Amino acid sequence: ALGLPDEQQPQFLFLSVDPRRDTPKLLAEYVK
């Protein structure tokens, strides 16, 4: 909402430490 330049806007990473259950497909549904 502040309209910052692209280089100042962040991205957000959810680092799953449970790869046994958290497949990429399930992570995609979750972070969406």
PDB file of all heavy atoms in Angstrom:
ATOM      1  N   ALA A   1       0.817  -1.211   0.000  1.00  0.00           N
ATOM      2  CA  ALA A   1       0.000   0.000   0.000  1.00  0.00           C
ATOM      3  C   ALA A   1       0.854   1.266   0.000  1.00  0.00           C
ATOM      4  O   ALA A   1       0.380   2.344  -0.385  1.00  0.00           O
ATOM      5  CB  ALA A   1      -0.926   0.002   1.216  1.00  0.00           C
ATOM      6  N   LEU A   2       2.119   1.144   0.426  1.00  0.00           N
ATOM      7  CA  LEU A   2       3.002   2.312   0.460  1.00  0.00           C
ATOM      8  C   LEU A   2       3.591   2.651  -0.910  1.00  0.00           C
ATOM      9  O   LEU A   2       4.188   3.714  -1.084  1.00  0.00           O
ATOM     10  CB  LEU A   2       4.143   2.073   1.456  1.00  0.00           C
ATOM     11  CG  LEU A   2       3.730   1.942   2.926  1.00  0.00           C
ATOM     12  CD1 LEU A   2       4.943   1.600   3.782  1.00  0.00           C
ATOM     13  CD2 LEU A   2       3.081   3.225   3.418  1.00  0.00           C
ATOM     14  N   GLY A   3       3.426   1.745  -1.857  1.00  0.00           N
ATOM     15  CA  GLY A   3       3.926   1.998  -3.212  1.00  0.00           C
ATOM     16  C   GLY A   3       5.437   2.079  -3.297  1.00  0.00           C
ATOM     17  O   GLY A   3       5.985   2.898  -4.047  1.00  0.00           O
ATOM     18  N   LEU A   4       6.134   1.240  -2.531  1.00  0.00           N
ATOM     19  CA  LEU A   4       7.595   1.240  -2.551  1.00  0.00           C
ATOM     20  C   LEU A   4       8.122   0.731  -3.893  1.00  0.00           C
ATOM     21  O   LEU A   4       7.445  -0.033  -4.593  1.00  0.00           O
ATOM     22  CB  LEU A   4       8.138   0.344  -1.435  1.00  0.00           C
ATOM     23  CG  LEU A   4       7.789   0.733   0.007  1.00  0.00           C
ATOM     24  CD1 LEU A   4       8.311  -0.337   0.960  1.00  0.00           C
ATOM     25  CD2 LEU A   4       8.363   2.088   0.358  1.00  0.00           C
ATOM     26  N   PRO A   5       9.330   1.127  -4.285  1.00  0.00           N
ATOM     27  CA  PRO A   5       9.949   0.570  -5.500  1.00  0.00           C
ATOM     28  C   PRO A   5      10.073  -0.945  -5.381  1.00  0.00           C
ATOM     29  O   PRO A   5      10.158  -1.492  -4.270  1.00  0.00           O
ATOM     30  CB  PRO A   5      11.333   1.241  -5.531  1.00  0.00           C
ATOM     31  CG  PRO A   5      11.208   2.453  -4.682  1.00  0.00           C
ATOM     32  CD  PRO A   5      10.185   2.135  -3.627  1.00  0.00           C
ATOM     33  N   ASP A   6      10.112  -1.619  -6.513  1.00  0.00           N
ATOM     34  CA  ASP A   6      10.159  -3.082  -6.526  1.00  0.00           C
ATOM     35  C   ASP A   6      11.301  -3.645  -5.683  1.00  0.00           C
ATOM     36  O   ASP A   6      11.146  -4.658  -4.994  1.00  0.00           O
ATOM     37  CB  ASP A   6      10.292  -3.600  -7.961  1.00  0.00           C
ATOM     38  CG  ASP A   6       8.984  -3.444  -8.735  1.00  0.00           C
ATOM     39  OD1 ASP A   6       7.947  -3.188  -8.096  1.00  0.00           O
ATOM     40  OD2 ASP A   6       9.016  -3.547  -9.977  1.00  0.00           O
ATOM     41  N   GLU A   7      12.469  -2.990  -5.736  1.00  0.00           N
ATOM     42  CA  GLU A   7      13.625  -3.519  -5.022  1.00  0.00           C
ATOM     43  C   GLU A   7      13.486  -3.388  -3.508  1.00  0.00           C
ATOM     44  O   GLU A   7      14.245  -4.011  -2.750  1.00  0.00           O
ATOM     45  CB  GLU A   7      14.921  -2.827  -5.478  1.00  0.00           C
ATOM     46  CG  GLU A   7      15.004  -1.350  -5.186  1.00  0.00           C
ATOM     47  CD  GLU A   7      14.407  -0.475  -6.285  1.00  0.00           C
ATOM     48  OE1 GLU A   7      13.679  -1.023  -7.144  1.00  0.00           O
ATOM     49  OE2 GLU A   7      14.681   0.737  -6.275  1.00  0.00           O
ATOM     50  N   GLN A   8      12.527  -2.595  -3.053  1.00  0.00           N
ATOM     51  CA  GLN A   8      12.305  -2.448  -1.616  1.00  0.00           C
ATOM     52  C   GLN A   8      11.122  -3.268  -1.115  1.00  0.00           C
ATOM     53  O   GLN A   8      10.918  -3.408   0.082  1.00  0.00           O
ATOM     54  CB  GLN A   8      12.106  -0.967  -1.265  1.00  0.00           C
ATOM     55  CG  GLN A   8      13.336  -0.114  -1.524  1.00  0.00           C
ATOM     56  CD  GLN A   8      13.123   1.343  -1.190  1.00  0.00           C
ATOM     57  OE1 GLN A   8      12.017   1.773  -0.874  1.00  0.00           O
ATOM     58  NE2 GLN A   8      14.177   2.134  -1.246  1.00  0.00           N
ATOM     59  N   GLN A   9      10.348  -3.814  -2.046  1.00  0.00           N
ATOM     60  CA  GLN A   9       9.239  -4.690  -1.685  1.00  0.00           C
ATOM     61  C   GLN A   9       9.795  -6.088  -1.419  1.00  0.00           C
ATOM     62  O   GLN A   9      10.587  -6.603  -2.201  1.00  0.00           O
ATOM     63  CB  GLN A   9       8.208  -4.763  -2.813  1.00  0.00           C
ATOM     64  CG  GLN A   9       7.469  -3.477  -3.091  1.00  0.00           C
ATOM     65  CD  GLN A   9       6.369  -3.198  -2.069  1.00  0.00           C
ATOM     66  OE1 GLN A   9       6.204  -3.945  -1.109  1.00  0.00           O
ATOM     67  NE2 GLN A   9       5.641  -2.121  -2.266  1.00  0.00           N
ATOM     68  N   PRO A  10       9.411  -6.707  -0.332  1.00  0.00           N
ATOM     69  CA  PRO A  10       9.977  -8.021  -0.012  1.00  0.00           C
ATOM     70  C   PRO A  10       9.210  -9.184  -0.641  1.00  0.00           C
ATOM     71  O   PRO A  10       8.075  -9.029  -1.105  1.00  0.00           O
ATOM     72  CB  PRO A  10       9.859  -8.077   1.514  1.00  0.00           C
ATOM     73  CG  PRO A  10       8.601  -7.291   1.799  1.00  0.00           C
ATOM     74  CD  PRO A  10       8.561  -6.191   0.765  1.00  0.00           C
ATOM     75  N   GLN A  11       9.866 -10.334  -0.634  1.00  0.00           N
ATOM     76  CA  GLN A  11       9.192 -11.598  -0.892  1.00  0.00           C
ATOM     77  C   GLN A  11       9.204 -12.371   0.417  1.00  0.00           C
ATOM     78  O   GLN A  11       9.939 -12.034   1.350  1.00  0.00           O
ATOM     79  CB  GLN A  11       9.898 -12.379  -2.001  1.00  0.00           C
ATOM     80  CG  GLN A  11      11.347 -12.727  -1.704  1.00  0.00           C
ATOM     81  CD  GLN A  11      12.020 -13.439  -2.857  1.00  0.00           C
ATOM     82  OE1 GLN A  11      11.404 -13.762  -3.868  1.00  0.00           O
ATOM     83  NE2 GLN A  11      13.311 -13.694  -2.734  1.00  0.00           N
ATOM     84  N   PHE A  12       8.379 -13.415   0.492  1.00  0.00           N
ATOM     85  CA  PHE A  12       8.194 -14.124   1.757  1.00  0.00           C
ATOM     86  C   PHE A  12       8.393 -15.620   1.529  1.00  0.00           C
ATOM     87  O   PHE A  12       7.738 -16.208   0.670  1.00  0.00           O
ATOM     88  CB  PHE A  12       6.798 -13.838   2.316  1.00  0.00           C
ATOM     89  CG  PHE A  12       6.542 -12.378   2.558  1.00  0.00           C
ATOM     90  CD1 PHE A  12       6.051 -11.571   1.546  1.00  0.00           C
ATOM     91  CD2 PHE A  12       6.819 -11.804   3.794  1.00  0.00           C
ATOM     92  CE1 PHE A  12       5.830 -10.211   1.752  1.00  0.00           C
ATOM     93  CE2 PHE A  12       6.594 -10.453   4.013  1.00  0.00           C
ATOM     94  CZ  PHE A  12       6.102  -9.655   2.990  1.00  0.00           C
ATOM     95  N   LEU A  13       9.298 -16.192   2.302  1.00  0.00           N
ATOM     96  CA  LEU A  13       9.604 -17.618   2.165  1.00  0.00           C
ATOM     97  C   LEU A  13       9.106 -18.381   3.387  1.00  0.00           C
ATOM     98  O   LEU A  13       9.408 -18.002   4.524  1.00  0.00           O
ATOM     99  CB  LEU A  13      11.109 -17.845   2.034  1.00  0.00           C
ATOM    100  CG  LEU A  13      11.740 -17.763   0.645  1.00  0.00           C
ATOM    101  CD1 LEU A  13      11.700 -16.332   0.135  1.00  0.00           C
ATOM    102  CD2 LEU A  13      13.170 -18.266   0.668  1.00  0.00           C
ATOM    103  N   PHE A  14       8.354 -19.429   3.119  1.00  0.00           N
ATOM    104  CA  PHE A  14       7.980 -20.368   4.177  1.00  0.00           C
ATOM    105  C   PHE A  14       8.874 -21.584   4.002  1.00  0.00           C
ATOM    106  O   PHE A  14       8.725 -22.349   3.046  1.00  0.00           O
ATOM    107  CB  PHE A  14       6.508 -20.753   4.068  1.00  0.00           C
ATOM    108  CG  PHE A  14       6.093 -21.791   5.076  1.00  0.00           C
ATOM    109  CD1 PHE A  14       6.274 -21.581   6.434  1.00  0.00           C
ATOM    110  CD2 PHE A  14       5.517 -22.988   4.664  1.00  0.00           C
ATOM    111  CE1 PHE A  14       5.900 -22.542   7.373  1.00  0.00           C
ATOM    112  CE2 PHE A  14       5.136 -23.947   5.588  1.00  0.00           C
ATOM    113  CZ  PHE A  14       5.325 -23.725   6.945  1.00  0.00           C
ATOM    114  N   LEU A  15       9.818 -21.749   4.920  1.00  0.00           N
ATOM    115  CA  LEU A  15      10.779 -22.842   4.847  1.00  0.00           C
ATOM    116  C   LEU A  15      10.243 -24.020   5.650  1.00  0.00           C
ATOM    117  O   LEU A  15      10.289 -24.021   6.882  1.00  0.00           O
ATOM    118  CB  LEU A  15      12.135 -22.383   5.407  1.00  0.00           C
ATOM    119  CG  LEU A  15      13.262 -23.408   5.407  1.00  0.00           C
ATOM    120  CD1 LEU A  15      13.657 -23.770   3.976  1.00  0.00           C
ATOM    121  CD2 LEU A  15      14.473 -22.877   6.173  1.00  0.00           C
ATOM    122  N   SER A  16       9.730 -25.018   4.948  1.00  0.00           N
ATOM    123  CA  SER A  16       9.186 -26.183   5.634  1.00  0.00           C
ATOM    124  C   SER A  16      10.320 -27.101   6.068  1.00  0.00           C
ATOM    125  O   SER A  16      11.137 -27.539   5.251  1.00  0.00           O
ATOM    126  CB  SER A  16       8.230 -26.965   4.738  1.00  0.00           C
ATOM    127  OG  SER A  16       7.899 -28.199   5.372  1.00  0.00           O
ATOM    128  N   VAL A  17      10.341 -27.418   7.365  1.00  0.00           N
ATOM    129  CA  VAL A  17      11.364 -28.314   7.909  1.00  0.00           C
ATOM    130  C   VAL A  17      10.805 -29.728   8.060  1.00  0.00           C
ATOM    131  O   VAL A  17      11.401 -30.561   8.742  1.00  0.00           O
ATOM    132  CB  VAL A  17      11.880 -27.778   9.260  1.00  0.00           C
ATOM    133  CG1 VAL A  17      12.581 -26.448   9.053  1.00  0.00           C
ATOM    134  CG2 VAL A  17      10.758 -27.635  10.278  1.00  0.00           C
ATOM    135  N   ASP A  18       9.690 -29.972   7.395  1.00  0.00           N
ATOM    136  CA  ASP A  18       9.023 -31.278   7.472  1.00  0.00           C
ATOM    137  C   ASP A  18       8.828 -31.840   6.062  1.00  0.00           C
ATOM    138  O   ASP A  18       7.703 -32.019   5.596  1.00  0.00           O
ATOM    139  CB  ASP A  18       7.677 -31.111   8.184  1.00  0.00           C
ATOM    140  CG  ASP A  18       6.964 -32.441   8.425  1.00  0.00           C
ATOM    141  OD1 ASP A  18       7.629 -33.493   8.410  1.00  0.00           O
ATOM    142  OD2 ASP A  18       5.735 -32.420   8.622  1.00  0.00           O
ATOM    143  N   PRO A  19       9.935 -32.115   5.346  1.00  0.00           N
ATOM    144  CA  PRO A  19       9.811 -32.560   3.950  1.00  0.00           C
ATOM    145  C   PRO A  19       9.120 -33.907   3.791  1.00  0.00           C
ATOM    146  O   PRO A  19       8.618 -34.216   2.709  1.00  0.00           O
ATOM    147  CB  PRO A  19      11.275 -32.621   3.478  1.00  0.00           C
ATOM    148  CG  PRO A  19      12.067 -32.837   4.725  1.00  0.00           C
ATOM    149  CD  PRO A  19      11.340 -32.075   5.790  1.00  0.00           C
ATOM    150  N   ARG A  20       9.065 -34.694   4.854  1.00  0.00           N
ATOM    151  CA  ARG A  20       8.397 -35.995   4.774  1.00  0.00           C
ATOM    152  C   ARG A  20       6.921 -35.819   4.407  1.00  0.00           C
ATOM    153  O   ARG A  20       6.376 -36.582   3.614  1.00  0.00           O
ATOM    154  CB  ARG A  20       8.538 -36.731   6.111  1.00  0.00           C
ATOM    155  CG  ARG A  20       7.933 -38.135   6.109  1.00  0.00           C
ATOM    156  CD  ARG A  20       7.958 -38.727   7.509  1.00  0.00           C
ATOM    157  NE  ARG A  20       9.325 -38.900   7.985  1.00  0.00           N
ATOM    158  CZ  ARG A  20       9.703 -38.757   9.246  1.00  0.00           C
ATOM    159  NH1 ARG A  20       8.823 -38.405  10.174  1.00  0.00           N
ATOM    160  NH2 ARG A  20      10.956 -38.952   9.610  1.00  0.00           N
ATOM    161  N   ARG A  21       6.286 -34.804   4.977  1.00  0.00           N
ATOM    162  CA  ARG A  21       4.863 -34.575   4.700  1.00  0.00           C
ATOM    163  C   ARG A  21       4.620 -33.404   3.754  1.00  0.00           C
ATOM    164  O   ARG A  21       3.622 -33.401   3.025  1.00  0.00           O
ATOM    165  CB  ARG A  21       4.123 -34.321   6.015  1.00  0.00           C
ATOM    166  CG  ARG A  21       4.052 -35.515   6.941  1.00  0.00           C
ATOM    167  CD  ARG A  21       3.292 -35.219   8.214  1.00  0.00           C
ATOM    168  NE  ARG A  21       3.949 -34.218   9.062  1.00  0.00           N
ATOM    169  CZ  ARG A  21       3.511 -33.837  10.249  1.00  0.00           C
ATOM    170  NH1 ARG A  21       2.395 -34.364  10.739  1.00  0.00           N
ATOM    171  NH2 ARG A  21       4.176 -32.945  10.968  1.00  0.00           N
ATOM    172  N   ASP A  22       5.499 -32.427   3.768  1.00  0.00           N
ATOM    173  CA  ASP A  22       5.253 -31.196   3.003  1.00  0.00           C
ATOM    174  C   ASP A  22       5.872 -31.288   1.616  1.00  0.00           C
ATOM    175  O   ASP A  22       6.986 -30.812   1.359  1.00  0.00           O
ATOM    176  CB  ASP A  22       5.810 -29.985   3.750  1.00  0.00           C
ATOM    177  CG  ASP A  22       5.022 -29.692   5.020  1.00  0.00           C
ATOM    178  OD1 ASP A  22       3.992 -30.357   5.240  1.00  0.00           O
ATOM    179  OD2 ASP A  22       5.447 -28.809   5.781  1.00  0.00           O
ATOM    180  N   THR A  23       5.131 -31.893   0.708  1.00  0.00           N
ATOM    181  CA  THR A  23       5.582 -31.983  -0.678  1.00  0.00           C
ATOM    182  C   THR A  23       5.437 -30.617  -1.345  1.00  0.00           C
ATOM    183  O   THR A  23       4.666 -29.756  -0.875  1.00  0.00           O
ATOM    184  CB  THR A  23       4.749 -33.012  -1.447  1.00  0.00           C
ATOM    185  OG1 THR A  23       3.384 -32.552  -1.497  1.00  0.00           O
ATOM    186  CG2 THR A  23       4.803 -34.383  -0.783  1.00  0.00           C
ATOM    187  N   PRO A  24       6.143 -30.376  -2.447  1.00  0.00           N
ATOM    188  CA  PRO A  24       5.987 -29.102  -3.154  1.00  0.00           C
ATOM    189  C   PRO A  24       4.527 -28.798  -3.520  1.00  0.00           C
ATOM    190  O   PRO A  24       4.082 -27.649  -3.400  1.00  0.00           O
ATOM    191  CB  PRO A  24       6.858 -29.289  -4.402  1.00  0.00           C
ATOM    192  CG  PRO A  24       7.939 -30.221  -3.950  1.00  0.00           C
ATOM    193  CD  PRO A  24       7.240 -31.183  -3.011  1.00  0.00           C
ATOM    194  N   LYS A  25       3.785 -29.813  -3.920  1.00  0.00           N
ATOM    195  CA  LYS A  25       2.388 -29.594  -4.300  1.00  0.00           C
ATOM    196  C   LYS A  25       1.562 -29.102  -3.100  1.00  0.00           C
ATOM    197  O   LYS A  25       0.761 -28.166  -3.228  1.00  0.00           O
ATOM    198  CB  LYS A  25       1.794 -30.892  -4.854  1.00  0.00           C
ATOM    199  CG  LYS A  25       0.342 -30.744  -5.316  1.00  0.00           C
ATOM    200  CD  LYS A  25      -0.192 -32.053  -5.876  1.00  0.00           C
ATOM    201  CE  LYS A  25      -1.652 -31.879  -6.307  1.00  0.00           C
ATOM    202  NZ  LYS A  25      -2.206 -33.150  -6.851  1.00  0.00           N
ATOM    203  N   LEU A  26       1.742 -29.742  -1.967  1.00  0.00           N
ATOM    204  CA  LEU A  26       1.000 -29.333  -0.772  1.00  0.00           C
ATOM    205  C   LEU A  26       1.451 -27.954  -0.290  1.00  0.00           C
ATOM    206  O   LEU A  26       0.632 -27.155   0.180  1.00  0.00           O
ATOM    207  CB  LEU A  26       1.171 -30.363   0.338  1.00  0.00           C
ATOM    208  CG  LEU A  26       0.498 -31.718   0.092  1.00  0.00           C
ATOM    209  CD1 LEU A  26       0.838 -32.697   1.207  1.00  0.00           C
ATOM    210  CD2 LEU A  26      -1.018 -31.552  -0.026  1.00  0.00           C
ATOM    211  N   LEU A  27       2.740 -27.656  -0.407  1.00  0.00           N
ATOM    212  CA  LEU A  27       3.231 -26.336  -0.042  1.00  0.00           C
ATOM    213  C   LEU A  27       2.641 -25.255  -0.936  1.00  0.00           C
ATOM    214  O   LEU A  27       2.327 -24.151  -0.482  1.00  0.00           O
ATOM    215  CB  LEU A  27       4.768 -26.294  -0.119  1.00  0.00           C
ATOM    216  CG  LEU A  27       5.534 -26.882   1.055  1.00  0.00           C
ATOM    217  CD1 LEU A  27       7.031 -26.834   0.789  1.00  0.00           C
ATOM    218  CD2 LEU A  27       5.204 -26.150   2.349  1.00  0.00           C
ATOM    219  N   ALA A  28       2.495 -25.581  -2.219  1.00  0.00           N
ATOM    220  CA  ALA A  28       1.916 -24.610  -3.157  1.00  0.00           C
ATOM    221  C   ALA A  28       0.497 -24.247  -2.743  1.00  0.00           C
ATOM    222  O   ALA A  28       0.107 -23.062  -2.772  1.00  0.00           O
ATOM    223  CB  ALA A  28       1.931 -25.193  -4.573  1.00  0.00           C
ATOM    224  N   GLU A  29      -0.285 -25.236  -2.331  1.00  0.00           N
ATOM    225  CA  GLU A  29      -1.657 -24.970  -1.884  1.00  0.00           C
ATOM    226  C   GLU A  29      -1.665 -24.165  -0.589  1.00  0.00           C
ATOM    227  O   GLU A  29      -2.508 -23.289  -0.393  1.00  0.00           O
ATOM    228  CB  GLU A  29      -2.398 -26.303  -1.680  1.00  0.00           C
ATOM    229  CG  GLU A  29      -2.593 -27.104  -2.965  1.00  0.00           C
ATOM    230  CD  GLU A  29      -3.188 -28.478  -2.686  1.00  0.00           C
ATOM    231  OE1 GLU A  29      -3.438 -28.790  -1.495  1.00  0.00           O
ATOM    232  OE2 GLU A  29      -3.394 -29.247  -3.644  1.00  0.00           O
ATOM    233  N   TYR A  30      -0.706 -24.441   0.268  1.00  0.00           N
ATOM    234  CA  TYR A  30      -0.664 -23.795   1.577  1.00  0.00           C
ATOM    235  C   TYR A  30      -0.280 -22.315   1.477  1.00  0.00           C
ATOM    236  O   TYR A  30      -0.960 -21.442   2.024  1.00  0.00           O
ATOM    237  CB  TYR A  30       0.322 -24.542   2.475  1.00  0.00           C
ATOM    238  CG  TYR A  30       0.367 -24.053   3.900  1.00  0.00           C
ATOM    239  CD1 TYR A  30      -0.698 -24.258   4.772  1.00  0.00           C
ATOM    240  CD2 TYR A  30       1.491 -23.389   4.404  1.00  0.00           C
ATOM    241  CE1 TYR A  30      -0.665 -23.820   6.085  1.00  0.00           C
ATOM    242  CE2 TYR A  30       1.540 -22.949   5.721  1.00  0.00           C
ATOM    243  CZ  TYR A  30       0.457 -23.165   6.552  1.00  0.00           C
ATOM    244  OH  TYR A  30       0.503 -22.725   7.854  1.00  0.00           O
ATOM    245  N   VAL A  31       0.822 -22.022   0.784  1.00  0.00           N
ATOM    246  CA  VAL A  31       1.306 -20.634   0.744  1.00  0.00           C
ATOM    247  C   VAL A  31       0.405 -19.737  -0.092  1.00  0.00           C
ATOM    248  O   VAL A  31       0.381 -18.514   0.091  1.00  0.00           O
ATOM    249  CB  VAL A  31       2.763 -20.551   0.231  1.00  0.00           C
ATOM    250  CG1 VAL A  31       3.698 -21.289   1.169  1.00  0.00           C
ATOM    251  CG2 VAL A  31       2.899 -21.081  -1.193  1.00  0.00           C
ATOM    252  N   LYS A  32      -0.357 -20.349  -1.008  1.00  0.00           N
ATOM    253  CA  LYS A  32      -1.262 -19.564  -1.853  1.00  0.00           C
ATOM    254  C   LYS A  32      -2.280 -18.797  -1.015  1.00  0.00           C
ATOM    255  O   LYS A  32      -2.718 -17.702  -1.386  1.00  0.00           O
ATOM    256  CB  LYS A  32      -1.980 -20.505  -2.841  1.00  0.00           C
ATOM    257  CG  LYS A  32      -2.919 -19.806  -3.816  1.00  0.00           C
ATOM    258  CD  LYS A  32      -3.409 -20.793  -4.872  1.00  0.00           C
ATOM    259  CE  LYS A  32      -4.216 -21.922  -4.234  1.00  0.00           C
ATOM    260  NZ  LYS A  32      -4.799 -22.842  -5.249  1.00  0.00           N
TER     261      LYS A  32
END
